[in-house]
PDB file of N, CA and C in Angstrom:
ATOM      1  N   MET A   1       0.842  -1.165   0.000  1.00  0.00           N
ATOM      2  CA  MET A   1       0.000   0.000   0.000  1.00  0.00           C
ATOM      3  C   MET A   1       0.894   1.237   0.000  1.00  0.00           C
ATOM      4  N   THR A   2       0.554   2.230  -0.801  1.00  0.00           N
ATOM      5  CA  THR A   2       1.338   3.449  -0.912  1.00  0.00           C
ATOM      6  C   THR A   2       0.753   4.498   0.021  1.00  0.00           C
ATOM      7  N   PRO A   3       1.614   5.181   0.805  1.00  0.00           N
ATOM      8  CA  PRO A   3       1.100   6.255   1.657  1.00  0.00           C
ATOM      9  C   PRO A   3       0.473   7.350   0.801  1.00  0.00           C
ATOM     10  N   HIS A   4      -0.507   8.057   1.372  1.00  0.00           N
ATOM     11  CA  HIS A   4      -1.227   9.094   0.635  1.00  0.00           C
ATOM     12  C   HIS A   4      -0.325  10.238   0.217  1.00  0.00           C
ATOM     13  N   ASN A   5       0.750  10.483   0.933  1.00  0.00           N
ATOM     14  CA  ASN A   5       1.607  11.617   0.607  1.00  0.00           C
ATOM     15  C   ASN A   5       2.745  11.221  -0.347  1.00  0.00           C
ATOM     16  N   ALA A   6       2.795   9.972  -0.771  1.00  0.00           N
ATOM     17  CA  ALA A   6       3.866   9.530  -1.679  1.00  0.00           C
ATOM     18  C   ALA A   6       3.573  10.037  -3.084  1.00  0.00           C
ATOM     19  N   ASN A   7       4.613  10.401  -3.802  1.00  0.00           N
ATOM     20  CA  ASN A   7       4.474  10.871  -5.164  1.00  0.00           C
ATOM     21  C   ASN A   7       4.884   9.736  -6.092  1.00  0.00           C
ATOM     22  N   PRO A   8       3.935   9.082  -6.760  1.00  0.00           N
ATOM     23  CA  PRO A   8       4.265   7.913  -7.575  1.00  0.00           C
ATOM     24  C   PRO A   8       5.084   8.254  -8.811  1.00  0.00           C
ATOM     25  N   THR A   9       5.141   9.529  -9.228  1.00  0.00           N
ATOM     26  CA  THR A   9       5.905   9.880 -10.415  1.00  0.00           C
ATOM     27  C   THR A   9       7.367  10.140 -10.104  1.00  0.00           C
ATOM     28  N   MET A  10       7.729  10.276  -8.860  1.00  0.00           N
ATOM     29  CA  MET A  10       9.115  10.532  -8.481  1.00  0.00           C
ATOM     30  C   MET A  10       9.730   9.251  -7.935  1.00  0.00           C
ATOM     31  N   PRO A  11      10.774   8.733  -8.603  1.00  0.00           N
ATOM     32  CA  PRO A  11      11.425   7.536  -8.068  1.00  0.00           C
ATOM     33  C   PRO A  11      12.125   7.855  -6.766  1.00  0.00           C
ATOM     34  N   SER A  12      12.156   6.881  -5.880  1.00  0.00           N
ATOM     35  CA  SER A  12      12.858   7.102  -4.623  1.00  0.00           C
ATOM     36  C   SER A  12      14.305   6.705  -4.821  1.00  0.00           C
ATOM     37  N   GLN A  13      15.138   7.697  -4.980  1.00  0.00           N
ATOM     38  CA  GLN A  13      16.556   7.467  -5.183  1.00  0.00           C
ATOM     39  C   GLN A  13      17.327   8.174  -4.091  1.00  0.00           C
ATOM     40  N   THR A  14      18.343   7.508  -3.592  1.00  0.00           N
ATOM     41  CA  THR A  14      19.224   8.144  -2.640  1.00  0.00           C
ATOM     42  C   THR A  14      20.224   8.957  -3.433  1.00  0.00           C
ATOM     43  N   PRO A  15      20.362  10.248  -3.143  1.00  0.00           N
ATOM     44  CA  PRO A  15      21.324  11.044  -3.903  1.00  0.00           C
ATOM     45  C   PRO A  15      22.723  10.494  -3.712  1.00  0.00           C
ATOM     46  N   ARG A  16      23.458  10.399  -4.808  1.00  0.00           N
ATOM     47  CA  ARG A  16      24.819   9.895  -4.701  1.00  0.00           C
ATOM     48  C   ARG A  16      25.754  11.046  -4.389  1.00  0.00           C
ATOM     49  N   PRO A  17      26.829  10.760  -3.685  1.00  0.00           N
ATOM     50  CA  PRO A  17      27.763  11.827  -3.369  1.00  0.00           C
ATOM     51  C   PRO A  17      28.419  12.364  -4.631  1.00  0.00           C
ATOM     52  N   ALA A  18      28.695  13.665  -4.639  1.00  0.00           N
ATOM     53  CA  ALA A  18      29.371  14.281  -5.771  1.00  0.00           C
ATOM     54  C   ALA A  18      30.819  13.826  -5.796  1.00  0.00           C
ATOM     55  N   GLY A  19      31.386  13.784  -6.983  1.00  0.00           N
ATOM     56  CA  GLY A  19      32.788  13.422  -7.106  1.00  0.00           C
ATOM     57  C   GLY A  19      32.972  12.178  -7.934  1.00  0.00           C
ATOM     58  N   PRO A  20      34.226  11.791  -8.124  1.00  0.00           N
ATOM     59  CA  PRO A  20      34.529  10.629  -8.964  1.00  0.00           C
ATOM     60  C   PRO A  20      33.973   9.331  -8.399  1.00  0.00           C
ATOM     61  N   LEU A  21      33.677   8.421  -9.315  1.00  0.00           N
ATOM     62  CA  LEU A  21      33.155   7.101  -8.956  1.00  0.00           C
ATOM     63  C   LEU A  21      34.199   6.041  -9.263  1.00  0.00           C
ATOM     64  N   GLY A  22      34.211   5.005  -8.469  1.00  0.00           N
ATOM     65  CA  GLY A  22      35.027   3.836  -8.769  1.00  0.00           C
ATOM     66  C   GLY A  22      34.215   2.899  -9.643  1.00  0.00           C
ATOM     67  N   LEU A  23      34.619   2.734 -10.894  1.00  0.00           N
ATOM     68  CA  LEU A  23      33.910   1.902 -11.857  1.00  0.00           C
ATOM     69  C   LEU A  23      34.842   0.821 -12.383  1.00  0.00           C
ATOM     70  N   VAL A  24      34.256  -0.222 -12.940  1.00  0.00           N
ATOM     71  CA  VAL A  24      35.027  -1.241 -13.649  1.00  0.00           C
ATOM     72  C   VAL A  24      34.536  -1.196 -15.087  1.00  0.00           C
ATOM     73  N   VAL A  25      35.422  -0.777 -15.997  1.00  0.00           N
ATOM     74  CA  VAL A  25      35.065  -0.641 -17.408  1.00  0.00           C
ATOM     75  C   VAL A  25      35.874  -1.650 -18.209  1.00  0.00           C
ATOM     76  N   ASN A  26      35.168  -2.538 -18.881  1.00  0.00           N
ATOM     77  CA  ASN A  26      35.806  -3.600 -19.668  1.00  0.00           C
ATOM     78  C   ASN A  26      36.833  -4.360 -18.840  1.00  0.00           C
ATOM     79  N   GLY A  27      36.488  -4.615 -17.588  1.00  0.00           N
ATOM     80  CA  GLY A  27      37.341  -5.400 -16.701  1.00  0.00           C
ATOM     81  C   GLY A  27      38.447  -4.612 -16.019  1.00  0.00           C
ATOM     82  N   GLU A  28      38.553  -3.318 -16.297  1.00  0.00           N
ATOM     83  CA  GLU A  28      39.615  -2.486 -15.728  1.00  0.00           C
ATOM     84  C   GLU A  28      39.036  -1.509 -14.708  1.00  0.00           C
ATOM     85  N   ALA A  29      39.561  -1.545 -13.489  1.00  0.00           N
ATOM     86  CA  ALA A  29      39.104  -0.614 -12.458  1.00  0.00           C
ATOM     87  C   ALA A  29      39.605   0.780 -12.787  1.00  0.00           C
ATOM     88  N   MET A  30      38.717   1.756 -12.667  1.00  0.00           N
ATOM     89  CA  MET A  30      39.096   3.148 -12.908  1.00  0.00           C
ATOM     90  C   MET A  30      38.204   4.077 -12.120  1.00  0.00           C
ATOM     91  N   THR A  31      38.658   5.308 -11.992  1.00  0.00           N
ATOM     92  CA  THR A  31      37.900   6.341 -11.303  1.00  0.00           C
ATOM     93  C   THR A  31      37.525   7.404 -12.324  1.00  0.00           C
ATOM     94  N   LEU A  32      36.229   7.685 -12.435  1.00  0.00           N
ATOM     95  CA  LEU A  32      35.724   8.668 -13.386  1.00  0.00           C
ATOM     96  C   LEU A  32      34.701   9.563 -12.724  1.00  0.00           C
ATOM     97  N   ALA A  33      34.649  10.813 -13.184  1.00  0.00           N
ATOM     98  CA  ALA A  33      33.599  11.728 -12.761  1.00  0.00           C
ATOM     99  C   ALA A  33      32.525  11.690 -13.841  1.00  0.00           C
ATOM    100  N   ALA A  34      31.445  10.995 -13.592  1.00  0.00           N
ATOM    101  CA  ALA A  34      30.342  10.878 -14.547  1.00  0.00           C
ATOM    102  C   ALA A  34      29.071  10.559 -13.775  1.00  0.00           C
ATOM    103  N   GLU A  35      27.954  11.039 -14.295  1.00  0.00           N
ATOM    104  CA  GLU A  35      26.666  10.758 -13.666  1.00  0.00           C
ATOM    105  C   GLU A  35      25.825   9.781 -14.475  1.00  0.00           C
ATOM    106  N   SER A  36      26.109   9.685 -15.782  1.00  0.00           N
ATOM    107  CA  SER A  36      25.313   8.798 -16.635  1.00  0.00           C
ATOM    108  C   SER A  36      26.231   7.922 -17.480  1.00  0.00           C
ATOM    109  N   LEU A  37      25.652   6.887 -18.032  1.00  0.00           N
ATOM    110  CA  LEU A  37      26.407   6.010 -18.912  1.00  0.00           C
ATOM    111  C   LEU A  37      26.872   6.776 -20.145  1.00  0.00           C
ATOM    112  N   ALA A  38      26.068   7.713 -20.630  1.00  0.00           N
ATOM    113  CA  ALA A  38      26.475   8.530 -21.781  1.00  0.00           C
ATOM    114  C   ALA A  38      27.740   9.321 -21.462  1.00  0.00           C
ATOM    115  N   GLU A  39      27.836   9.855 -20.254  1.00  0.00           N
ATOM    116  CA  GLU A  39      29.025  10.596 -19.858  1.00  0.00           C
ATOM    117  C   GLU A  39      30.248   9.683 -19.794  1.00  0.00           C
ATOM    118  N   VAL A  40      30.086   8.470 -19.315  1.00  0.00           N
ATOM    119  CA  VAL A  40      31.204   7.519 -19.272  1.00  0.00           C
ATOM    120  C   VAL A  40      31.700   7.249 -20.691  1.00  0.00           C
ATOM    121  N   VAL A  41      30.778   6.993 -21.605  1.00  0.00           N
ATOM    122  CA  VAL A  41      31.139   6.720 -22.999  1.00  0.00           C
ATOM    123  C   VAL A  41      31.901   7.909 -23.582  1.00  0.00           C
ATOM    124  N   GLU A  42      31.447   9.108 -23.307  1.00  0.00           N
ATOM    125  CA  GLU A  42      32.085  10.323 -23.818  1.00  0.00           C
ATOM    126  C   GLU A  42      33.475  10.525 -23.212  1.00  0.00           C
ATOM    127  N   VAL A  43      33.574  10.415 -21.899  1.00  0.00           N
ATOM    128  CA  VAL A  43      34.850  10.627 -21.200  1.00  0.00           C
ATOM    129  C   VAL A  43      35.911   9.639 -21.684  1.00  0.00           C
ATOM    130  N   LEU A  44      35.497   8.431 -22.010  1.00  0.00           N
ATOM    131  CA  LEU A  44      36.450   7.415 -22.442  1.00  0.00           C
ATOM    132  C   LEU A  44      36.785   7.493 -23.932  1.00  0.00           C
ATOM    133  N   GLY A  45      36.248   8.505 -24.617  1.00  0.00           N
ATOM    134  CA  GLY A  45      36.618   8.733 -26.005  1.00  0.00           C
ATOM    135  C   GLY A  45      35.808   7.985 -27.041  1.00  0.00           C
ATOM    136  N   TYR A  46      34.683   7.422 -26.647  1.00  0.00           N
ATOM    137  CA  TYR A  46      33.831   6.696 -27.583  1.00  0.00           C
ATOM    138  C   TYR A  46      32.699   7.560 -28.131  1.00  0.00           C
ATOM    139  N   GLY A  47      32.630   8.830 -27.727  1.00  0.00           N
ATOM    140  CA  GLY A  47      31.558   9.709 -28.175  1.00  0.00           C
ATOM    141  C   GLY A  47      31.505   9.785 -29.691  1.00  0.00           C
ATOM    142  N   GLY A  48      30.339   9.651 -30.265  1.00  0.00           N
ATOM    143  CA  GLY A  48      30.169   9.707 -31.703  1.00  0.00           C
ATOM    144  C   GLY A  48      30.416   8.386 -32.414  1.00  0.00           C
ATOM    145  N   GLN A  49      30.940   7.404 -31.710  1.00  0.00           N
ATOM    146  CA  GLN A  49      31.175   6.091 -32.315  1.00  0.00           C
ATOM    147  C   GLN A  49      29.985   5.173 -32.044  1.00  0.00           C
ATOM    148  N   LYS A  50      29.797   4.216 -32.914  1.00  0.00           N
ATOM    149  CA  LYS A  50      28.766   3.203 -32.684  1.00  0.00           C
ATOM    150  C   LYS A  50      29.368   2.130 -31.788  1.00  0.00           C
ATOM    151  N   VAL A  51      28.858   2.051 -30.577  1.00  0.00           N
ATOM    152  CA  VAL A  51      29.319   1.057 -29.616  1.00  0.00           C
ATOM    153  C   VAL A  51      28.108   0.423 -28.948  1.00  0.00           C
ATOM    154  N   ALA A  52      28.314  -0.751 -28.408  1.00  0.00           N
ATOM    155  CA  ALA A  52      27.301  -1.419 -27.589  1.00  0.00           C
ATOM    156  C   ALA A  52      27.715  -1.234 -26.138  1.00  0.00           C
ATOM    157  N   THR A  53      26.741  -1.030 -25.260  1.00  0.00           N
ATOM    158  CA  THR A  53      27.043  -0.825 -23.847  1.00  0.00           C
ATOM    159  C   THR A  53      26.193  -1.730 -22.968  1.00  0.00           C
ATOM    160  N   ALA A  54      26.782  -2.100 -21.834  1.00  0.00           N
ATOM    161  CA  ALA A  54      26.061  -2.860 -20.814  1.00  0.00           C
ATOM    162  C   ALA A  54      26.447  -2.287 -19.453  1.00  0.00           C
ATOM    163  N   LEU A  55      25.489  -2.238 -18.565  1.00  0.00           N
ATOM    164  CA  LEU A  55      25.701  -1.767 -17.200  1.00  0.00           C
ATOM    165  C   LEU A  55      25.312  -2.901 -16.263  1.00  0.00           C
ATOM    166  N   ASN A  56      26.276  -3.379 -15.514  1.00  0.00           N
ATOM    167  CA  ASN A  56      26.061  -4.490 -14.572  1.00  0.00           C
ATOM    168  C   ASN A  56      25.399  -5.692 -15.249  1.00  0.00           C
ATOM    169  N   GLY A  57      25.852  -5.971 -16.486  1.00  0.00           N
ATOM    170  CA  GLY A  57      25.381  -7.139 -17.209  1.00  0.00           C
ATOM    171  C   GLY A  57      24.127  -6.941 -18.030  1.00  0.00           C
ATOM    172  N   ASP A  58      23.513  -5.763 -17.957  1.00  0.00           N
ATOM    173  CA  ASP A  58      22.291  -5.498 -18.714  1.00  0.00           C
ATOM    174  C   ASP A  58      22.588  -4.565 -19.882  1.00  0.00           C
ATOM    175  N   PHE A  59      22.200  -4.977 -21.101  1.00  0.00           N
ATOM    176  CA  PHE A  59      22.382  -4.159 -22.300  1.00  0.00           C
ATOM    177  C   PHE A  59      21.652  -2.833 -22.130  1.00  0.00           C
ATOM    178  N   VAL A  60      22.324  -1.740 -22.535  1.00  0.00           N
ATOM    179  CA  VAL A  60      21.708  -0.407 -22.510  1.00  0.00           C
ATOM    180  C   VAL A  60      21.792   0.165 -23.922  1.00  0.00           C
ATOM    181  N   PRO A  61      20.653   0.359 -24.600  1.00  0.00           N
ATOM    182  CA  PRO A  61      20.690   0.912 -25.954  1.00  0.00           C
ATOM    183  C   PRO A  61      21.176   2.359 -25.949  1.00  0.00           C
ATOM    184  N   ALA A  62      21.713   2.801 -27.066  1.00  0.00           N
ATOM    185  CA  ALA A  62      22.298   4.139 -27.177  1.00  0.00           C
ATOM    186  C   ALA A  62      21.316   5.232 -26.741  1.00  0.00           C
ATOM    187  N   HIS A  63      20.056   5.119 -27.113  1.00  0.00           N
ATOM    188  CA  HIS A  63      19.093   6.172 -26.783  1.00  0.00           C
ATOM    189  C   HIS A  63      18.756   6.236 -25.288  1.00  0.00           C
ATOM    190  N   ARG A  64      19.192   5.273 -24.508  1.00  0.00           N
ATOM    191  CA  ARG A  64      18.915   5.239 -23.071  1.00  0.00           C
ATOM    192  C   ARG A  64      20.122   5.624 -22.211  1.00  0.00           C
ATOM    193  N   ARG A  65      21.291   5.784 -22.816  1.00  0.00           N
ATOM    194  CA  ARG A  65      22.504   6.033 -22.034  1.00  0.00           C
ATOM    195  C   ARG A  65      22.448   7.327 -21.232  1.00  0.00           C
ATOM    196  N   GLY A  66      21.870   8.374 -21.792  1.00  0.00           N
ATOM    197  CA  GLY A  66      21.795   9.658 -21.098  1.00  0.00           C
ATOM    198  C   GLY A  66      20.924   9.627 -19.859  1.00  0.00           C
ATOM    199  N   GLU A  67      19.954   8.738 -19.834  1.00  0.00           N
ATOM    200  CA  GLU A  67      19.043   8.631 -18.688  1.00  0.00           C
ATOM    201  C   GLU A  67      19.400   7.457 -17.775  1.00  0.00           C
ATOM    202  N   THR A  68      20.545   6.832 -18.032  1.00  0.00           N
ATOM    203  CA  THR A  68      20.977   5.689 -17.228  1.00  0.00           C
ATOM    204  C   THR A  68      22.070   6.125 -16.265  1.00  0.00           C
ATOM    205  N   PRO A  69      21.732   6.282 -14.981  1.00  0.00           N
ATOM    206  CA  PRO A  69      22.742   6.728 -14.011  1.00  0.00           C
ATOM    207  C   PRO A  69      23.758   5.633 -13.713  1.00  0.00           C
ATOM    208  N   VAL A  70      24.966   6.061 -13.390  1.00  0.00           N
ATOM    209  CA  VAL A  70      26.005   5.126 -12.953  1.00  0.00           C
ATOM    210  C   VAL A  70      26.317   5.416 -11.499  1.00  0.00           C
ATOM    211  N   GLY A  71      26.725   4.382 -10.787  1.00  0.00           N
ATOM    212  CA  GLY A  71      27.027   4.509  -9.368  1.00  0.00           C
ATOM    213  C   GLY A  71      28.346   3.848  -9.026  1.00  0.00           C
ATOM    214  N   ASP A  72      28.844   4.185  -7.876  1.00  0.00           N
ATOM    215  CA  ASP A  72      30.110   3.648  -7.401  1.00  0.00           C
ATOM    216  C   ASP A  72      30.071   2.122  -7.417  1.00  0.00           C
ATOM    217  N   GLY A  73      31.083   1.506  -8.013  1.00  0.00           N
ATOM    218  CA  GLY A  73      31.171   0.053  -8.067  1.00  0.00           C
ATOM    219  C   GLY A  73      30.503  -0.588  -9.269  1.00  0.00           C
ATOM    220  N   ASP A  74      29.845   0.205 -10.130  1.00  0.00           N
ATOM    221  CA  ASP A  74      29.178  -0.370 -11.306  1.00  0.00           C
ATOM    222  C   ASP A  74      30.194  -0.977 -12.267  1.00  0.00           C
ATOM    223  N   ARG A  75      29.729  -2.012 -12.978  1.00  0.00           N
ATOM    224  CA  ARG A  75      30.539  -2.677 -14.005  1.00  0.00           C
ATOM    225  C   ARG A  75      29.952  -2.307 -15.368  1.00  0.00           C
ATOM    226  N   ILE A  76      30.802  -1.756 -16.217  1.00  0.00           N
ATOM    227  CA  ILE A  76      30.376  -1.270 -17.528  1.00  0.00           C
ATOM    228  C   ILE A  76      31.168  -1.997 -18.607  1.00  0.00           C
ATOM    229  N   GLU A  77      30.475  -2.397 -19.647  1.00  0.00           N
ATOM    230  CA  GLU A  77      31.124  -2.975 -20.821  1.00  0.00           C
ATOM    231  C   GLU A  77      30.829  -2.063 -21.997  1.00  0.00           C
ATOM    232  N   ILE A  78      31.867  -1.733 -22.746  1.00  0.00           N
ATOM    233  CA  ILE A  78      31.728  -0.936 -23.970  1.00  0.00           C
ATOM    234  C   ILE A  78      32.415  -1.733 -25.075  1.00  0.00           C
ATOM    235  N   VAL A  79      31.639  -2.080 -26.097  1.00  0.00           N
ATOM    236  CA  VAL A  79      32.172  -2.915 -27.172  1.00  0.00           C
ATOM    237  C   VAL A  79      32.011  -2.168 -28.489  1.00  0.00           C
ATOM    238  N   ALA A  80      33.138  -1.975 -29.183  1.00  0.00           N
ATOM    239  CA  ALA A  80      33.133  -1.332 -30.493  1.00  0.00           C
ATOM    240  C   ALA A  80      33.279  -2.406 -31.564  1.00  0.00           C
ATOM    241  N   PRO A  81      32.590  -2.255 -32.693  1.00  0.00           N
ATOM    242  CA  PRO A  81      32.732  -3.234 -33.766  1.00  0.00           C
ATOM    243  C   PRO A  81      34.156  -3.202 -34.341  1.00  0.00           C
ATOM    244  N   ARG A  82      34.602  -4.336 -34.844  1.00  0.00           N
ATOM    245  CA  ARG A  82      35.945  -4.431 -35.432  1.00  0.00           C
ATOM    246  C   ARG A  82      35.818  -4.657 -36.930  1.00  0.00           C
ATOM    247  N   GLN A  83      36.767  -4.120 -37.647  1.00  0.00           N
ATOM    248  CA  GLN A  83      36.840  -4.345 -39.085  1.00  0.00           C
ATOM    249  C   GLN A  83      37.702  -5.572 -39.359  1.00  0.00           C
ATOM    250  N   GLY A  84      37.465  -6.192 -40.439  1.00  0.00           N
ATOM    251  CA  GLY A  84      38.308  -7.334 -40.825  1.00  0.00           C
ATOM    252  C   GLY A  84      37.672  -8.647 -40.432  1.00  0.00           C
ATOM    253  N   GLY A  85      38.444  -9.692 -40.552  1.00  0.00           N
ATOM    254  CA  GLY A  85      37.849 -10.974 -40.222  1.00  0.00           C
ATOM    255  C   GLY A  85      38.796 -11.999 -39.898  1.00  0.00           C
TER     256      GLY A  85
END
């Protein structure tokens, strides 16, 4: 049962502390200042490239990266297509 004063349109999120996050990107531990998966992709130099992304094992399509928050300890995979065979 939802309390009468609860706002169902606002997700209950604990604000994360400002500052760099400890992330694992493609198996490598690193510290980055980013709030969204889109920012991680940009900071790591993949901005404008066609890449596939996953956050904690779940695929995240390109159009959802900007609205997908990242948190301390998250595991991110970024896969770029390769040429050749």
